[in-house]
Amino acid sequence: MRRYFVLTTPLIALVAIGYQGFVYAEEAADPSTEAVTSADFALVNPAAAEKDDPLFRHSTYPAAWTASQQSNRPILVYVSMPNCPHCVKMVERTYELPEVERLVSSSFETIRADRYTHAELVQKLHVKWYPTTILVGPNNKVLDVIEGYVESKAFQRRLQTGLAASTTQTQTR
């Protein structure tokens, strides 16, 4: 009986971790050891195949920050990586819902950062889990870090809380 418990406990833990809704950075495959083409990425992540993504308007953080300074809106940085099922799920089931898309488009300057193409930004933001959404105020201070897949209602609440925090920081200047 004890041997059964010892052998099944790690298996149960692994299954539970798999359903958390995020991928740990160290679990991700190194792109230098795995041949991943842009076609593979487009198949796994259809939103990334679009050149002009209306939801994620900026391709670099400096562009998003400049726009944030002009509009006085916070920045939403969505960090994902190729072949991450939870990242795809986050886009398809949360970001693409009309009410979330409307809130994000009207309230934030947005950037979609890939782990490999935006490696320096990802490192500076200390991203450990994928996907991760980071809200940054116009004053360049992190307002909230949302790790893993989050359902739309909870995600909207977190965004609204981040917006409220951004507004109070801006008003106290």
N, C-alpha and C. Protein backbone atom coordinates (compact mmCIF):
# COMPACT_ATOMS: atom_id res chain seq x y z
N MET A 1 0.82 -1.19 0.00
CA MET A 1 0.00 0.00 0.00
C MET A 1 0.87 1.26 0.00
N ARG A 2 1.90 1.25 0.81
CA ARG A 2 2.77 2.42 0.89
C ARG A 2 3.49 2.66 -0.44
N ARG A 3 3.94 1.60 -1.09
CA ARG A 3 4.63 1.73 -2.37
C ARG A 3 3.68 2.34 -3.41
N TYR A 4 2.43 1.94 -3.39
CA TYR A 4 1.43 2.48 -4.30
C TYR A 4 1.28 3.98 -4.08
N PHE A 5 1.22 4.40 -2.82
CA PHE A 5 1.08 5.81 -2.49
C PHE A 5 2.29 6.61 -2.96
N VAL A 6 3.49 6.08 -2.74
CA VAL A 6 4.72 6.76 -3.13
C VAL A 6 4.81 6.89 -4.64
N LEU A 7 4.36 5.89 -5.37
CA LEU A 7 4.45 5.93 -6.83
C LEU A 7 3.38 6.81 -7.45
N THR A 8 2.20 6.88 -6.87
CA THR A 8 1.11 7.65 -7.48
C THR A 8 1.11 9.12 -7.09
N THR A 9 1.69 9.48 -5.97
CA THR A 9 1.69 10.87 -5.53
C THR A 9 2.35 11.81 -6.55
N PRO A 10 3.54 11.49 -7.07
CA PRO A 10 4.12 12.38 -8.09
C PRO A 10 3.27 12.45 -9.36
N LEU A 11 2.64 11.35 -9.72
CA LEU A 11 1.79 11.34 -10.91
C LEU A 11 0.59 12.26 -10.71
N ILE A 12 -0.03 12.19 -9.56
CA ILE A 12 -1.17 13.07 -9.27
C ILE A 12 -0.73 14.52 -9.29
N ALA A 13 0.42 14.81 -8.73
CA ALA A 13 0.94 16.19 -8.72
C ALA A 13 1.19 16.68 -10.14
N LEU A 14 1.75 15.84 -10.99
CA LEU A 14 2.00 16.24 -12.38
C LEU A 14 0.71 16.50 -13.12
N VAL A 15 -0.29 15.67 -12.91
CA VAL A 15 -1.58 15.88 -13.56
C VAL A 15 -2.20 17.19 -13.08
N ALA A 16 -2.13 17.45 -11.80
CA ALA A 16 -2.69 18.69 -11.26
C ALA A 16 -1.98 19.91 -11.82
N ILE A 17 -0.67 19.85 -11.94
CA ILE A 17 0.09 20.97 -12.49
C ILE A 17 -0.30 21.22 -13.94
N GLY A 18 -0.53 20.18 -14.69
CA GLY A 18 -0.89 20.31 -16.10
C GLY A 18 -2.19 21.04 -16.32
N TYR A 19 -3.08 21.06 -15.34
CA TYR A 19 -4.37 21.71 -15.51
C TYR A 19 -4.43 23.10 -14.88
N GLN A 20 -3.32 23.63 -14.43
CA GLN A 20 -3.31 24.93 -13.80
C GLN A 20 -3.53 26.07 -14.78
N GLY A 21 -3.20 25.90 -16.03
CA GLY A 21 -3.43 26.96 -17.01
C GLY A 21 -2.20 27.77 -17.33
N PHE A 22 -1.03 27.25 -17.05
CA PHE A 22 0.18 27.96 -17.42
C PHE A 22 1.31 26.97 -17.63
N VAL A 23 2.35 27.44 -18.28
CA VAL A 23 3.54 26.64 -18.55
C VAL A 23 4.71 27.36 -17.91
N TYR A 24 5.51 26.64 -17.14
CA TYR A 24 6.67 27.23 -16.50
C TYR A 24 7.76 27.46 -17.53
N ALA A 25 8.50 28.52 -17.40
CA ALA A 25 9.50 28.91 -18.40
C ALA A 25 10.53 27.82 -18.64
N GLU A 26 10.95 27.12 -17.61
CA GLU A 26 11.98 26.10 -17.77
C GLU A 26 11.46 24.86 -18.48
N GLU A 27 10.13 24.68 -18.52
CA GLU A 27 9.55 23.54 -19.21
C GLU A 27 9.50 23.74 -20.71
N ALA A 28 9.63 24.97 -21.13
CA ALA A 28 9.52 25.29 -22.55
C ALA A 28 10.73 24.76 -23.31
N ALA A 29 10.47 24.35 -24.54
CA ALA A 29 11.55 23.84 -25.37
C ALA A 29 12.46 24.97 -25.82
N ASP A 30 13.74 24.71 -25.86
CA ASP A 30 14.73 25.68 -26.34
C ASP A 30 14.62 25.74 -27.86
N PRO A 31 14.41 26.94 -28.45
CA PRO A 31 14.23 27.02 -29.90
C PRO A 31 15.46 26.58 -30.68
N SER A 32 16.63 26.60 -30.07
CA SER A 32 17.83 26.20 -30.80
C SER A 32 17.91 24.68 -30.94
N THR A 33 17.19 23.95 -30.10
CA THR A 33 17.23 22.49 -30.18
C THR A 33 16.01 21.92 -30.89
N GLU A 34 15.03 22.73 -31.13
CA GLU A 34 13.82 22.26 -31.77
C GLU A 34 13.55 23.12 -32.99
N ALA A 35 13.33 22.49 -34.11
CA ALA A 35 13.09 23.24 -35.35
C ALA A 35 11.63 23.69 -35.39
N VAL A 36 11.38 24.93 -35.03
CA VAL A 36 10.05 25.50 -35.08
C VAL A 36 10.07 26.58 -36.14
N THR A 37 9.22 26.44 -37.12
CA THR A 37 9.16 27.42 -38.19
C THR A 37 8.01 28.39 -37.93
N SER A 38 7.98 29.46 -38.67
CA SER A 38 6.88 30.41 -38.52
C SER A 38 5.56 29.77 -38.92
N ALA A 39 5.61 28.82 -39.84
CA ALA A 39 4.39 28.11 -40.23
C ALA A 39 3.85 27.28 -39.06
N ASP A 40 4.75 26.64 -38.30
CA ASP A 40 4.32 25.88 -37.13
C ASP A 40 3.66 26.80 -36.12
N PHE A 41 4.25 27.95 -35.89
CA PHE A 41 3.71 28.88 -34.92
C PHE A 41 2.34 29.38 -35.36
N ALA A 42 2.18 29.64 -36.65
CA ALA A 42 0.90 30.12 -37.16
C ALA A 42 -0.18 29.06 -36.99
N LEU A 43 0.18 27.78 -37.14
CA LEU A 43 -0.81 26.73 -36.98
C LEU A 43 -1.23 26.58 -35.52
N VAL A 44 -0.28 26.67 -34.61
CA VAL A 44 -0.59 26.50 -33.20
C VAL A 44 -1.27 27.74 -32.64
N ASN A 45 -0.87 28.90 -33.12
CA ASN A 45 -1.37 30.14 -32.58
C ASN A 45 -1.90 31.02 -33.71
N PRO A 46 -3.15 30.83 -34.12
CA PRO A 46 -3.67 31.55 -35.28
C PRO A 46 -3.65 33.06 -35.13
N ALA A 47 -3.78 33.57 -33.91
CA ALA A 47 -3.77 35.03 -33.73
C ALA A 47 -2.42 35.62 -34.10
N ALA A 48 -1.35 34.83 -33.94
CA ALA A 48 -0.02 35.32 -34.27
C ALA A 48 0.21 35.38 -35.77
N ALA A 49 -0.60 34.68 -36.53
CA ALA A 49 -0.44 34.68 -37.98
C ALA A 49 -0.88 36.00 -38.59
N GLU A 50 -1.75 36.73 -37.88
CA GLU A 50 -2.23 38.00 -38.41
C GLU A 50 -1.17 39.07 -38.24
N LYS A 51 -0.87 39.77 -39.32
CA LYS A 51 0.13 40.85 -39.25
C LYS A 51 -0.44 42.04 -38.48
N ASP A 52 -1.65 42.44 -38.80
CA ASP A 52 -2.27 43.60 -38.16
C ASP A 52 -3.30 43.12 -37.15
N ASP A 53 -2.84 42.77 -35.98
CA ASP A 53 -3.73 42.30 -34.93
C ASP A 53 -4.38 43.52 -34.30
N PRO A 54 -5.70 43.68 -34.45
CA PRO A 54 -6.35 44.87 -33.92
C PRO A 54 -6.32 44.96 -32.40
N LEU A 55 -6.20 43.84 -31.72
CA LEU A 55 -6.20 43.85 -30.27
C LEU A 55 -4.84 44.27 -29.71
N PHE A 56 -3.78 43.72 -30.26
CA PHE A 56 -2.42 44.05 -29.80
C PHE A 56 -1.81 45.00 -30.82
N ARG A 57 -1.98 46.29 -30.56
CA ARG A 57 -1.66 47.32 -31.55
C ARG A 57 -0.18 47.59 -31.75
N HIS A 58 0.62 47.40 -30.73
CA HIS A 58 2.03 47.79 -30.81
C HIS A 58 2.92 46.56 -30.91
N SER A 59 3.99 46.70 -31.67
CA SER A 59 4.92 45.57 -31.84
C SER A 59 6.11 45.66 -30.90
N THR A 60 6.33 46.81 -30.28
CA THR A 60 7.44 46.96 -29.33
C THR A 60 6.96 47.69 -28.08
N TYR A 61 7.66 47.45 -26.98
CA TYR A 61 7.30 48.13 -25.73
C TYR A 61 7.52 49.64 -25.83
N PRO A 62 8.63 50.12 -26.42
CA PRO A 62 8.79 51.58 -26.54
C PRO A 62 7.64 52.24 -27.31
N ALA A 63 7.12 51.59 -28.33
CA ALA A 63 5.99 52.15 -29.07
C ALA A 63 4.75 52.21 -28.19
N ALA A 64 4.51 51.15 -27.41
CA ALA A 64 3.36 51.14 -26.49
C ALA A 64 3.53 52.20 -25.41
N TRP A 65 4.75 52.37 -24.90
CA TRP A 65 5.00 53.35 -23.86
C TRP A 65 4.79 54.78 -24.38
N THR A 66 5.27 55.05 -25.58
CA THR A 66 5.07 56.37 -26.19
C THR A 66 3.58 56.66 -26.36
N ALA A 67 2.84 55.67 -26.85
CA ALA A 67 1.39 55.84 -27.00
C ALA A 67 0.72 56.03 -25.64
N SER A 68 1.21 55.33 -24.63
CA SER A 68 0.67 55.47 -23.27
C SER A 68 0.89 56.88 -22.74
N GLN A 69 2.03 57.46 -23.04
CA GLN A 69 2.31 58.82 -22.60
C GLN A 69 1.36 59.82 -23.26
N GLN A 70 1.04 59.57 -24.52
CA GLN A 70 0.15 60.48 -25.25
C GLN A 70 -1.31 60.30 -24.83
N SER A 71 -1.73 59.05 -24.60
CA SER A 71 -3.13 58.78 -24.29
C SER A 71 -3.42 58.73 -22.79
N ASN A 72 -2.36 58.65 -21.98
CA ASN A 72 -2.48 58.50 -20.52
C ASN A 72 -3.24 57.23 -20.13
N ARG A 73 -3.09 56.19 -20.97
CA ARG A 73 -3.69 54.89 -20.67
C ARG A 73 -2.59 53.92 -20.26
N PRO A 74 -2.90 52.96 -19.39
CA PRO A 74 -1.89 51.97 -19.02
C PRO A 74 -1.56 51.03 -20.18
N ILE A 75 -0.47 50.31 -20.03
CA ILE A 75 0.00 49.37 -21.04
C ILE A 75 -0.37 47.96 -20.60
N LEU A 76 -0.87 47.17 -21.52
CA LEU A 76 -1.13 45.76 -21.28
C LEU A 76 -0.12 44.98 -22.10
N VAL A 77 0.74 44.22 -21.43
CA VAL A 77 1.74 43.39 -22.11
C VAL A 77 1.29 41.94 -21.96
N TYR A 78 0.96 41.31 -23.08
CA TYR A 78 0.58 39.89 -23.06
C TYR A 78 1.79 39.09 -23.51
N VAL A 79 2.34 38.28 -22.61
CA VAL A 79 3.55 37.50 -22.90
C VAL A 79 3.14 36.05 -23.13
N SER A 80 3.53 35.54 -24.29
CA SER A 80 3.22 34.15 -24.64
C SER A 80 4.44 33.52 -25.26
N MET A 81 4.29 32.28 -25.67
CA MET A 81 5.38 31.60 -26.36
C MET A 81 4.79 30.63 -27.37
N PRO A 82 5.58 30.29 -28.38
CA PRO A 82 5.10 29.36 -29.40
C PRO A 82 4.78 28.00 -28.78
N ASN A 83 3.78 27.36 -29.33
CA ASN A 83 3.39 26.00 -28.95
C ASN A 83 2.92 25.88 -27.51
N CYS A 84 2.43 26.95 -26.94
CA CYS A 84 1.90 26.95 -25.57
C CYS A 84 0.38 26.83 -25.65
N PRO A 85 -0.18 25.69 -25.27
CA PRO A 85 -1.64 25.53 -25.39
C PRO A 85 -2.43 26.49 -24.51
N HIS A 86 -1.90 26.84 -23.36
CA HIS A 86 -2.61 27.77 -22.47
C HIS A 86 -2.59 29.19 -23.04
N CYS A 87 -1.53 29.53 -23.77
CA CYS A 87 -1.46 30.85 -24.41
C CYS A 87 -2.52 30.96 -25.50
N VAL A 88 -2.66 29.92 -26.30
CA VAL A 88 -3.67 29.90 -27.35
C VAL A 88 -5.06 29.97 -26.73
N LYS A 89 -5.28 29.20 -25.67
CA LYS A 89 -6.57 29.19 -24.98
C LYS A 89 -6.89 30.57 -24.43
N MET A 90 -5.90 31.27 -23.89
CA MET A 90 -6.10 32.60 -23.33
C MET A 90 -6.57 33.58 -24.40
N VAL A 91 -5.96 33.50 -25.57
CA VAL A 91 -6.36 34.40 -26.66
C VAL A 91 -7.75 34.04 -27.15
N GLU A 92 -7.98 32.76 -27.41
CA GLU A 92 -9.25 32.33 -28.01
C GLU A 92 -10.44 32.43 -27.06
N ARG A 93 -10.25 32.13 -25.79
CA ARG A 93 -11.38 32.07 -24.86
C ARG A 93 -11.50 33.29 -23.95
N THR A 94 -10.50 34.12 -23.91
CA THR A 94 -10.57 35.29 -23.03
C THR A 94 -10.43 36.57 -23.83
N TYR A 95 -9.28 36.78 -24.47
CA TYR A 95 -9.04 38.04 -25.18
C TYR A 95 -10.01 38.28 -26.33
N GLU A 96 -10.42 37.23 -27.03
CA GLU A 96 -11.26 37.42 -28.21
C GLU A 96 -12.75 37.53 -27.90
N LEU A 97 -13.15 37.41 -26.64
CA LEU A 97 -14.55 37.63 -26.29
C LEU A 97 -14.86 39.11 -26.45
N PRO A 98 -16.02 39.44 -27.02
CA PRO A 98 -16.32 40.85 -27.33
C PRO A 98 -16.18 41.80 -26.14
N GLU A 99 -16.66 41.40 -24.96
CA GLU A 99 -16.60 42.31 -23.82
C GLU A 99 -15.17 42.54 -23.34
N VAL A 100 -14.33 41.51 -23.40
CA VAL A 100 -12.92 41.67 -23.02
C VAL A 100 -12.20 42.49 -24.08
N GLU A 101 -12.44 42.16 -25.33
CA GLU A 101 -11.80 42.88 -26.44
C GLU A 101 -12.14 44.36 -26.39
N ARG A 102 -13.39 44.67 -26.09
CA ARG A 102 -13.83 46.07 -26.01
C ARG A 102 -13.12 46.79 -24.86
N LEU A 103 -13.04 46.15 -23.70
CA LEU A 103 -12.36 46.74 -22.54
C LEU A 103 -10.88 46.97 -22.82
N VAL A 104 -10.23 45.96 -23.37
CA VAL A 104 -8.79 46.06 -23.65
C VAL A 104 -8.53 47.14 -24.70
N SER A 105 -9.30 47.14 -25.78
CA SER A 105 -9.08 48.10 -26.87
C SER A 105 -9.32 49.54 -26.44
N SER A 106 -10.32 49.75 -25.60
CA SER A 106 -10.66 51.12 -25.23
C SER A 106 -9.86 51.66 -24.05
N SER A 107 -9.22 50.78 -23.28
CA SER A 107 -8.61 51.24 -22.04
C SER A 107 -7.10 51.09 -21.96
N PHE A 108 -6.49 50.32 -22.86
CA PHE A 108 -5.06 50.02 -22.74
C PHE A 108 -4.32 50.23 -24.05
N GLU A 109 -3.04 50.51 -23.93
CA GLU A 109 -2.11 50.41 -25.06
C GLU A 109 -1.56 48.99 -24.96
N THR A 110 -1.63 48.24 -26.02
CA THR A 110 -1.37 46.80 -25.93
C THR A 110 -0.18 46.36 -26.77
N ILE A 111 0.51 45.35 -26.25
CA ILE A 111 1.60 44.71 -26.98
C ILE A 111 1.55 43.22 -26.67
N ARG A 112 1.79 42.44 -27.69
CA ARG A 112 1.91 40.99 -27.52
C ARG A 112 3.39 40.66 -27.63
N ALA A 113 3.97 40.17 -26.55
CA ALA A 113 5.40 39.87 -26.51
C ALA A 113 5.61 38.36 -26.53
N ASP A 114 6.40 37.90 -27.47
CA ASP A 114 6.76 36.49 -27.57
C ASP A 114 8.02 36.24 -26.74
N ARG A 115 8.09 35.10 -26.11
CA ARG A 115 9.23 34.78 -25.24
C ARG A 115 10.56 34.89 -25.98
N TYR A 116 10.60 34.51 -27.23
CA TYR A 116 11.86 34.47 -27.96
C TYR A 116 12.13 35.75 -28.75
N THR A 117 11.12 36.31 -29.39
CA THR A 117 11.36 37.52 -30.17
C THR A 117 11.46 38.78 -29.31
N HIS A 118 10.91 38.74 -28.11
CA HIS A 118 11.00 39.85 -27.16
C HIS A 118 11.73 39.39 -25.90
N ALA A 119 12.77 38.62 -26.06
CA ALA A 119 13.47 37.98 -24.94
C ALA A 119 13.95 38.98 -23.89
N GLU A 120 14.48 40.10 -24.32
CA GLU A 120 15.00 41.09 -23.37
C GLU A 120 13.88 41.67 -22.51
N LEU A 121 12.75 42.00 -23.13
CA LEU A 121 11.60 42.52 -22.39
C LEU A 121 11.08 41.47 -21.41
N VAL A 122 10.95 40.24 -21.87
CA VAL A 122 10.46 39.15 -21.02
C VAL A 122 11.37 38.97 -19.81
N GLN A 123 12.67 39.06 -20.03
CA GLN A 123 13.63 38.92 -18.93
C GLN A 123 13.51 40.09 -17.95
N LYS A 124 13.39 41.30 -18.46
CA LYS A 124 13.27 42.48 -17.58
C LYS A 124 11.99 42.45 -16.75
N LEU A 125 10.94 41.85 -17.31
CA LEU A 125 9.67 41.76 -16.59
C LEU A 125 9.61 40.56 -15.65
N HIS A 126 10.68 39.75 -15.64
CA HIS A 126 10.78 38.58 -14.77
C HIS A 126 9.63 37.59 -14.97
N VAL A 127 9.28 37.35 -16.22
CA VAL A 127 8.20 36.41 -16.53
C VAL A 127 8.68 34.99 -16.29
N LYS A 128 7.92 34.25 -15.51
CA LYS A 128 8.26 32.86 -15.20
C LYS A 128 7.23 31.88 -15.74
N TRP A 129 6.00 32.32 -15.96
CA TRP A 129 4.91 31.45 -16.39
C TRP A 129 4.30 31.98 -17.68
N TYR A 130 3.78 31.08 -18.48
CA TYR A 130 3.16 31.46 -19.74
C TYR A 130 1.76 30.89 -19.81
N PRO A 131 0.80 31.68 -20.21
CA PRO A 131 0.90 33.10 -20.55
C PRO A 131 0.95 33.98 -19.29
N THR A 132 1.42 35.19 -19.48
CA THR A 132 1.41 36.20 -18.42
C THR A 132 0.93 37.52 -19.02
N THR A 133 0.05 38.18 -18.31
CA THR A 133 -0.41 39.51 -18.70
C THR A 133 0.07 40.48 -17.63
N ILE A 134 0.76 41.53 -18.07
CA ILE A 134 1.31 42.52 -17.14
C ILE A 134 0.69 43.87 -17.46
N LEU A 135 0.16 44.52 -16.44
CA LEU A 135 -0.40 45.86 -16.59
C LEU A 135 0.61 46.85 -16.04
N VAL A 136 0.96 47.83 -16.87
CA VAL A 136 1.96 48.84 -16.50
C VAL A 136 1.32 50.21 -16.64
N GLY A 137 1.45 51.02 -15.60
CA GLY A 137 0.88 52.36 -15.63
C GLY A 137 1.66 53.29 -16.54
N PRO A 138 1.07 54.43 -16.90
CA PRO A 138 1.76 55.41 -17.73
C PRO A 138 3.06 55.91 -17.11
N ASN A 139 3.19 55.76 -15.78
CA ASN A 139 4.41 56.15 -15.09
C ASN A 139 5.45 55.03 -15.07
N ASN A 140 5.18 53.96 -15.81
CA ASN A 140 6.08 52.81 -16.00
C ASN A 140 6.19 51.93 -14.75
N LYS A 141 5.21 51.98 -13.86
CA LYS A 141 5.18 51.11 -12.69
C LYS A 141 4.21 49.96 -12.94
N VAL A 142 4.61 48.76 -12.53
CA VAL A 142 3.77 47.58 -12.72
C VAL A 142 2.56 47.68 -11.79
N LEU A 143 1.37 47.57 -12.38
CA LEU A 143 0.13 47.63 -11.62
C LEU A 143 -0.36 46.25 -11.20
N ASP A 144 -0.17 45.27 -12.08
CA ASP A 144 -0.65 43.91 -11.81
C ASP A 144 0.07 42.93 -12.72
N VAL A 145 0.27 41.72 -12.22
CA VAL A 145 0.84 40.62 -13.00
C VAL A 145 -0.16 39.48 -12.92
N ILE A 146 -0.69 39.08 -14.06
CA ILE A 146 -1.69 38.03 -14.14
C ILE A 146 -1.05 36.83 -14.81
N GLU A 147 -0.78 35.79 -14.04
CA GLU A 147 -0.06 34.62 -14.57
C GLU A 147 -1.04 33.51 -14.92
N GLY A 148 -0.77 32.86 -16.05
CA GLY A 148 -1.55 31.70 -16.46
C GLY A 148 -2.83 32.07 -17.17
N TYR A 149 -3.54 31.03 -17.57
CA TYR A 149 -4.84 31.21 -18.22
C TYR A 149 -5.84 31.68 -17.17
N VAL A 150 -6.60 32.72 -17.52
CA VAL A 150 -7.62 33.25 -16.63
C VAL A 150 -8.92 33.36 -17.41
N GLU A 151 -10.02 32.90 -16.82
CA GLU A 151 -11.32 32.99 -17.48
C GLU A 151 -11.75 34.44 -17.61
N SER A 152 -12.64 34.70 -18.55
CA SER A 152 -12.96 36.07 -18.95
C SER A 152 -13.49 36.94 -17.82
N LYS A 153 -14.40 36.44 -16.99
CA LYS A 153 -14.98 37.28 -15.91
C LYS A 153 -13.91 37.70 -14.90
N ALA A 154 -13.10 36.74 -14.47
CA ALA A 154 -12.02 37.06 -13.53
C ALA A 154 -11.00 37.99 -14.17
N PHE A 155 -10.73 37.78 -15.46
CA PHE A 155 -9.77 38.62 -16.17
C PHE A 155 -10.28 40.06 -16.25
N GLN A 156 -11.56 40.23 -16.55
CA GLN A 156 -12.13 41.57 -16.62
C GLN A 156 -12.03 42.29 -15.27
N ARG A 157 -12.29 41.56 -14.19
CA ARG A 157 -12.17 42.17 -12.85
C ARG A 157 -10.74 42.63 -12.59
N ARG A 158 -9.78 41.81 -12.96
CA ARG A 158 -8.36 42.18 -12.75
C ARG A 158 -8.00 43.40 -13.60
N LEU A 159 -8.49 43.44 -14.84
CA LEU A 159 -8.21 44.60 -15.70
C LEU A 159 -8.82 45.87 -15.11
N GLN A 160 -10.05 45.77 -14.64
CA GLN A 160 -10.72 46.94 -14.07
C GLN A 160 -10.02 47.42 -12.79
N THR A 161 -9.52 46.48 -12.00
CA THR A 161 -8.76 46.85 -10.80
C THR A 161 -7.46 47.55 -11.20
N GLY A 162 -6.80 47.04 -12.23
CA GLY A 162 -5.58 47.67 -12.73
C GLY A 162 -5.85 49.07 -13.27
N LEU A 163 -6.97 49.23 -13.97
CA LEU A 163 -7.35 50.55 -14.47
C LEU A 163 -7.59 51.52 -13.32
N ALA A 164 -8.27 51.06 -12.29
CA ALA A 164 -8.54 51.92 -11.13
C ALA A 164 -7.23 52.32 -10.45
N ALA A 165 -6.31 51.38 -10.33
CA ALA A 165 -5.00 51.70 -9.73
C ALA A 165 -4.24 52.70 -10.58
N SER A 166 -4.34 52.56 -11.88
CA SER A 166 -3.66 53.48 -12.80
C SER A 166 -4.24 54.88 -12.69
N THR A 167 -5.55 54.96 -12.57
CA THR A 167 -6.23 56.25 -12.48
C THR A 167 -5.84 56.97 -11.19
N THR A 168 -5.79 56.25 -10.07
CA THR A 168 -5.44 56.90 -8.81
C THR A 168 -3.98 57.33 -8.80
N GLN A 169 -3.09 56.55 -9.43
CA GLN A 169 -1.68 56.94 -9.51
C GLN A 169 -1.53 58.18 -10.37
N THR A 170 -2.27 58.26 -11.45
CA THR A 170 -2.17 59.38 -12.36
C THR A 170 -2.70 60.65 -11.71
N GLN A 171 -3.78 60.53 -10.94
CA GLN A 171 -4.40 61.71 -10.33
C GLN A 171 -3.56 62.29 -9.20
N THR A 172 -2.69 61.50 -8.59
CA THR A 172 -1.92 62.01 -7.45
C THR A 172 -0.62 62.67 -7.86
N ARG A 173 -0.35 62.79 -9.10
CA ARG A 173 0.89 63.41 -9.56
C ARG A 173 0.96 64.85 -9.22
